[in-house]
Structures are given as structure tokens and as C-alpha cells.
């Protein structure tokens, strides 16, 4: 008979790199039965066709940064050569968005970061919790957000975006603001 694994509940992760190969620690609850203990070969795939023929197994750790799908497949093969495939959903909850670019502004000026920074990921997700900071340490701690988020000086600033679905998933990125002095002509 083909090897059978119990259905796998949806999995939510915050880390960009996931290690399916360390499946004893990755799956919670653990796979039942344990493929290693059963003597089965196991591989992970991102589409059912590769899982069916055993081609293109995913590397471990697997980088989710450019993943636009969330269904993955486990292929198990018992010593007799019988194959079974089980799918599972993996939700990557870390906020992802393109690099932030703010065009230089002639100054002196005030830049309202809420108006200048547009955070949208490849899925068009809007994030409710977006905060700006003067230092990386403040962004990491979540204390000392600029309120209002207005800057008057050139420099590097930090943005903190919290996931709507997983409160421990946070993305912190730096970006540069450049305020160029307006040339003055005197007579």
C-alpha cells in the first residue's frame, strides 16, 4: 500500500527561510506517521506535477521571498516504491514590499512620510500598522515612533510594518530622505 500521512493543518510562518527538510521540528503537530521512522523517502515540492514524478524537489532551507503561492506538497515513497502525495498550505505572514524611494526635495522642507511612502506588496495588501522611526533601535523596540511622521532633515529613517495576521511578524527597513538646500542668489 502507498505510504499515508495524516492531513496537515495550515501552517503560518514569519521567517523568510523555511526548512521543510527538518520536518521533525517544522511541522506542529509532527507528521504522523514519521516518514523517517517508517523508512520512507520524503521530498517537498511547490506544484503537484513535480510531486507526482518526484522532480525538482525544493531546496532546504527554502526562500519564501518570491513565493506567490501557498500550497506545497509532500511526496513520500515507501521501500516498495509506492508513492503518496499530501498537500498543505503555508501562510507567509511577514510583510513584504518594494524598496522605499523618496525623491530629493528642495528645502528647507517638511516631508510627511505618511504621504510620501506608499507601502504595497505584490498582492496589493494594505497594512494598518505602519510607523516611522529615526533609529533602527527604536524601530526594533517599537518605541519612539515619529508622531506626526514629519522629517525636516536629510538622513536615513526606518519604517516598521506589522503583519495584520500574525502580531510577531514585523518587517523593518531603512530608507533615505534627501532635502537639498535651495540655492540663494544675493545682489
Protein backbone atom coordinates (compact mmCIF):
# COMPACT_ATOMS: atom_id res chain seq x y z
CA UNK A 1 0.00 0.00 0.00
CA UNK A 2 1.15 3.60 -0.57
CA UNK A 3 2.54 5.48 2.42
CA UNK A 4 -0.15 7.64 4.00
CA UNK A 5 0.40 10.78 6.06
CA UNK A 6 -2.43 12.26 8.10
CA UNK A 7 -3.82 15.55 6.72
CA UNK A 8 -1.62 18.52 7.59
CA UNK A 9 -3.24 21.66 9.07
CA UNK A 10 -2.40 25.08 7.64
CA UNK A 11 0.98 26.41 8.77
CA UNK A 12 1.79 30.07 9.40
CA UNK A 13 5.38 31.29 9.36
CA UNK A 14 7.15 34.59 9.79
CA UNK A 15 10.65 33.57 8.70
CA UNK A 16 11.64 34.08 5.08
CA UNK A 17 13.56 30.81 5.03
CA UNK A 18 11.76 27.60 5.96
CA UNK A 19 13.42 24.26 6.44
CA UNK A 20 10.98 21.60 5.28
CA UNK A 21 13.87 19.09 5.45
CA UNK A 22 13.94 19.46 9.24
CA UNK A 23 10.36 18.27 9.21
CA UNK A 24 10.53 16.87 12.74
CA UNK A 25 10.75 20.45 14.02
CA UNK A 26 8.92 22.26 11.20
CA UNK A 27 5.54 20.58 11.40
CA UNK A 28 3.44 21.10 14.51
CA UNK A 29 1.84 18.72 15.20
CA UNK A 30 4.50 16.38 13.77
CA UNK A 31 3.90 14.31 10.65
CA UNK A 32 2.05 11.13 11.52
CA UNK A 33 3.41 8.61 10.91
CA UNK A 34 7.02 9.82 10.92
CA UNK A 35 8.40 9.13 7.40
CA UNK A 36 11.95 8.66 8.67
CA UNK A 37 10.88 6.11 11.26
CA UNK A 38 8.89 4.28 8.58
CA UNK A 39 11.91 4.19 6.24
CA UNK A 40 10.21 6.33 3.60
CA UNK A 41 11.92 8.77 1.25
CA UNK A 42 10.43 12.24 1.55
CA UNK A 43 10.63 15.32 -0.67
CA UNK A 44 8.86 18.67 -0.82
CA UNK A 45 7.51 20.37 -3.96
CA UNK A 46 5.76 23.59 -4.93
CA UNK A 47 3.42 22.04 -7.51
CA UNK A 48 1.55 18.76 -7.87
CA UNK A 49 3.20 17.81 -11.18
CA UNK A 50 6.72 17.82 -9.71
CA UNK A 51 5.43 15.96 -6.67
CA UNK A 52 3.85 13.27 -8.89
CA UNK A 53 7.05 12.49 -10.78
CA UNK A 54 9.49 13.37 -7.99
CA UNK A 55 11.24 16.11 -9.98
CA UNK A 56 12.52 19.48 -8.77
CA UNK A 57 12.38 18.93 -5.00
CA UNK A 58 12.64 22.16 -3.02
CA UNK A 59 15.99 23.15 -1.56
CA UNK A 60 16.33 23.46 2.17
CA UNK A 61 16.13 25.97 3.58
CA UNK A 62 13.57 27.25 1.08
CA UNK A 63 13.37 31.01 0.44
CA UNK A 64 9.79 32.31 0.54
CA UNK A 65 10.70 35.86 -0.55
CA UNK A 66 9.45 35.42 -4.11
CA UNK A 67 6.75 32.87 -3.41
CA UNK A 68 3.34 33.80 -4.77
CA UNK A 69 1.57 30.56 -3.88
CA UNK A 70 0.95 28.90 -0.60
CA UNK A 71 0.18 25.26 -1.37
CA UNK A 72 3.10 22.86 -1.05
CA UNK A 73 3.30 19.10 -1.50
CA UNK A 74 4.99 16.30 0.43
CA UNK A 75 5.95 13.27 -1.63
CA UNK A 76 6.62 10.07 0.31
CA UNK A 77 7.92 6.85 -1.19
CA UNK A 78 7.99 3.62 0.82
CA UNK A 79 10.70 0.95 0.34
CA UNK A 80 8.40 -0.94 -2.06
CA UNK A 81 8.26 2.12 -4.36
CA UNK A 82 4.67 3.13 -3.59
CA UNK A 83 4.11 6.88 -3.71
CA UNK A 84 1.78 9.15 -1.76
CA UNK A 85 1.34 12.91 -2.02
CA UNK A 86 -0.16 15.17 0.64
CA UNK A 87 -0.67 18.91 0.20
CA UNK A 88 -0.54 21.60 2.86
CA UNK A 89 -1.00 25.36 2.97
CA UNK A 90 1.82 27.58 4.15
CA UNK A 91 0.97 31.19 5.01
CA UNK A 92 3.95 33.56 4.91
CA UNK A 93 2.85 36.38 7.22
CA UNK A 94 5.89 38.67 7.06
CA UNK A 95 5.01 41.99 5.41
CA UNK A 96 6.78 42.32 2.06
CA UNK A 97 7.03 45.44 -0.04
CA UNK A 98 9.35 47.02 -2.61
CA UNK A 99 12.27 49.27 -1.66
CA UNK A 100 11.22 52.71 -0.50
CA UNK A 101 12.45 55.56 -2.68
CA UNK A 102 11.74 59.18 -1.85
CA UNK A 103 12.77 61.71 -4.49
CA UNK A 104 15.01 64.54 -3.27
CA UNK A 105 13.13 67.65 -2.15
CA UNK A 106 14.36 71.23 -2.29
CA UNK A 107 14.42 72.78 1.15
CA UNK A 108 14.16 73.77 3.77
CA UNK A 109 11.15 71.48 3.72
CA UNK A 110 8.95 69.24 5.80
CA UNK A 111 8.30 65.78 4.44
CA UNK A 112 5.23 63.95 5.67
CA UNK A 113 6.27 60.30 5.44
CA UNK A 114 2.65 59.12 5.56
CA UNK A 115 2.09 60.93 2.25
CA UNK A 116 5.44 60.14 0.61
CA UNK A 117 5.76 56.44 1.41
CA UNK A 118 3.39 54.04 -0.31
CA UNK A 119 3.62 50.53 1.10
CA UNK A 120 2.06 47.92 -1.16
CA UNK A 121 3.21 44.37 -1.64
CA UNK A 122 2.82 42.29 -4.78
CA UNK A 123 -0.66 41.28 -3.62
CA UNK A 124 -1.85 44.87 -3.01
CA UNK A 125 -2.04 44.32 0.74
CA UNK A 126 -2.68 47.40 2.83
CA UNK A 127 -1.12 47.44 6.28
CA UNK A 128 -2.81 49.12 9.22
CA UNK A 129 0.28 49.32 11.43
CA UNK A 130 2.96 51.41 9.70
CA UNK A 131 5.29 53.51 11.83
CA UNK A 132 8.40 55.59 11.12
CA UNK A 133 11.47 55.95 13.34
CA UNK A 134 14.71 57.92 13.49
CA UNK A 135 16.82 54.91 14.53
CA UNK A 136 16.88 51.20 13.85
CA UNK A 137 16.96 50.50 17.59
CA UNK A 138 13.72 52.44 18.07
CA UNK A 139 12.10 50.59 15.15
CA UNK A 140 13.21 47.23 16.59
CA UNK A 141 11.79 48.07 20.01
CA UNK A 142 8.60 49.65 18.65
CA UNK A 143 9.08 52.72 20.88
CA UNK A 144 9.69 56.31 19.84
CA UNK A 145 7.77 56.40 16.56
CA UNK A 146 7.72 59.77 14.81
CA UNK A 147 4.36 61.31 15.66
CA UNK A 148 3.47 63.01 13.42
CA UNK A 149 5.74 61.30 10.88
CA UNK A 150 7.30 64.51 9.59
CA UNK A 151 11.02 64.95 8.92
CA UNK A 152 12.93 68.18 8.28
CA UNK A 153 16.46 66.83 7.81
CA UNK A 154 18.24 64.59 5.31
CA UNK A 155 19.24 61.18 6.59
CA UNK A 156 18.28 57.56 6.96
CA UNK A 157 14.99 56.74 8.62
CA UNK A 158 13.31 53.45 9.46
CA UNK A 159 9.88 52.01 8.77
CA UNK A 160 8.23 49.28 10.82
CA UNK A 161 5.32 47.34 9.32
CA UNK A 162 3.49 44.78 11.44
CA UNK A 163 1.59 41.87 9.94
CA UNK A 164 -2.18 42.06 10.22
CA UNK A 165 -2.48 38.29 10.68
CA UNK A 166 0.48 37.49 12.95
CA UNK A 167 1.49 40.05 15.61
CA UNK A 168 5.05 38.68 15.88
CA UNK A 169 5.74 39.14 12.15
CA UNK A 170 7.35 42.51 11.57
CA UNK A 171 9.36 44.00 8.73
CA UNK A 172 11.82 46.80 9.44
CA UNK A 173 13.56 48.58 6.56
CA UNK A 174 15.67 51.71 6.19
CA UNK A 175 15.21 54.40 3.58
CA UNK A 176 16.85 57.72 2.78
CA UNK A 177 15.38 61.20 2.79
CA UNK A 178 17.30 63.92 0.97
CA UNK A 179 16.45 67.58 1.46
CA UNK A 180 18.61 69.67 -0.87
CA UNK A 181 19.24 73.31 0.13
CA UNK A 182 17.60 75.75 -2.26
CA UNK A 183 20.24 77.94 -3.92
CA UNK A 184 20.10 81.56 -2.82
CA UNK A 185 21.13 84.45 -5.00
CA UNK A 186 22.09 87.66 -3.33
CA UNK A 187 22.59 91.03 -5.00
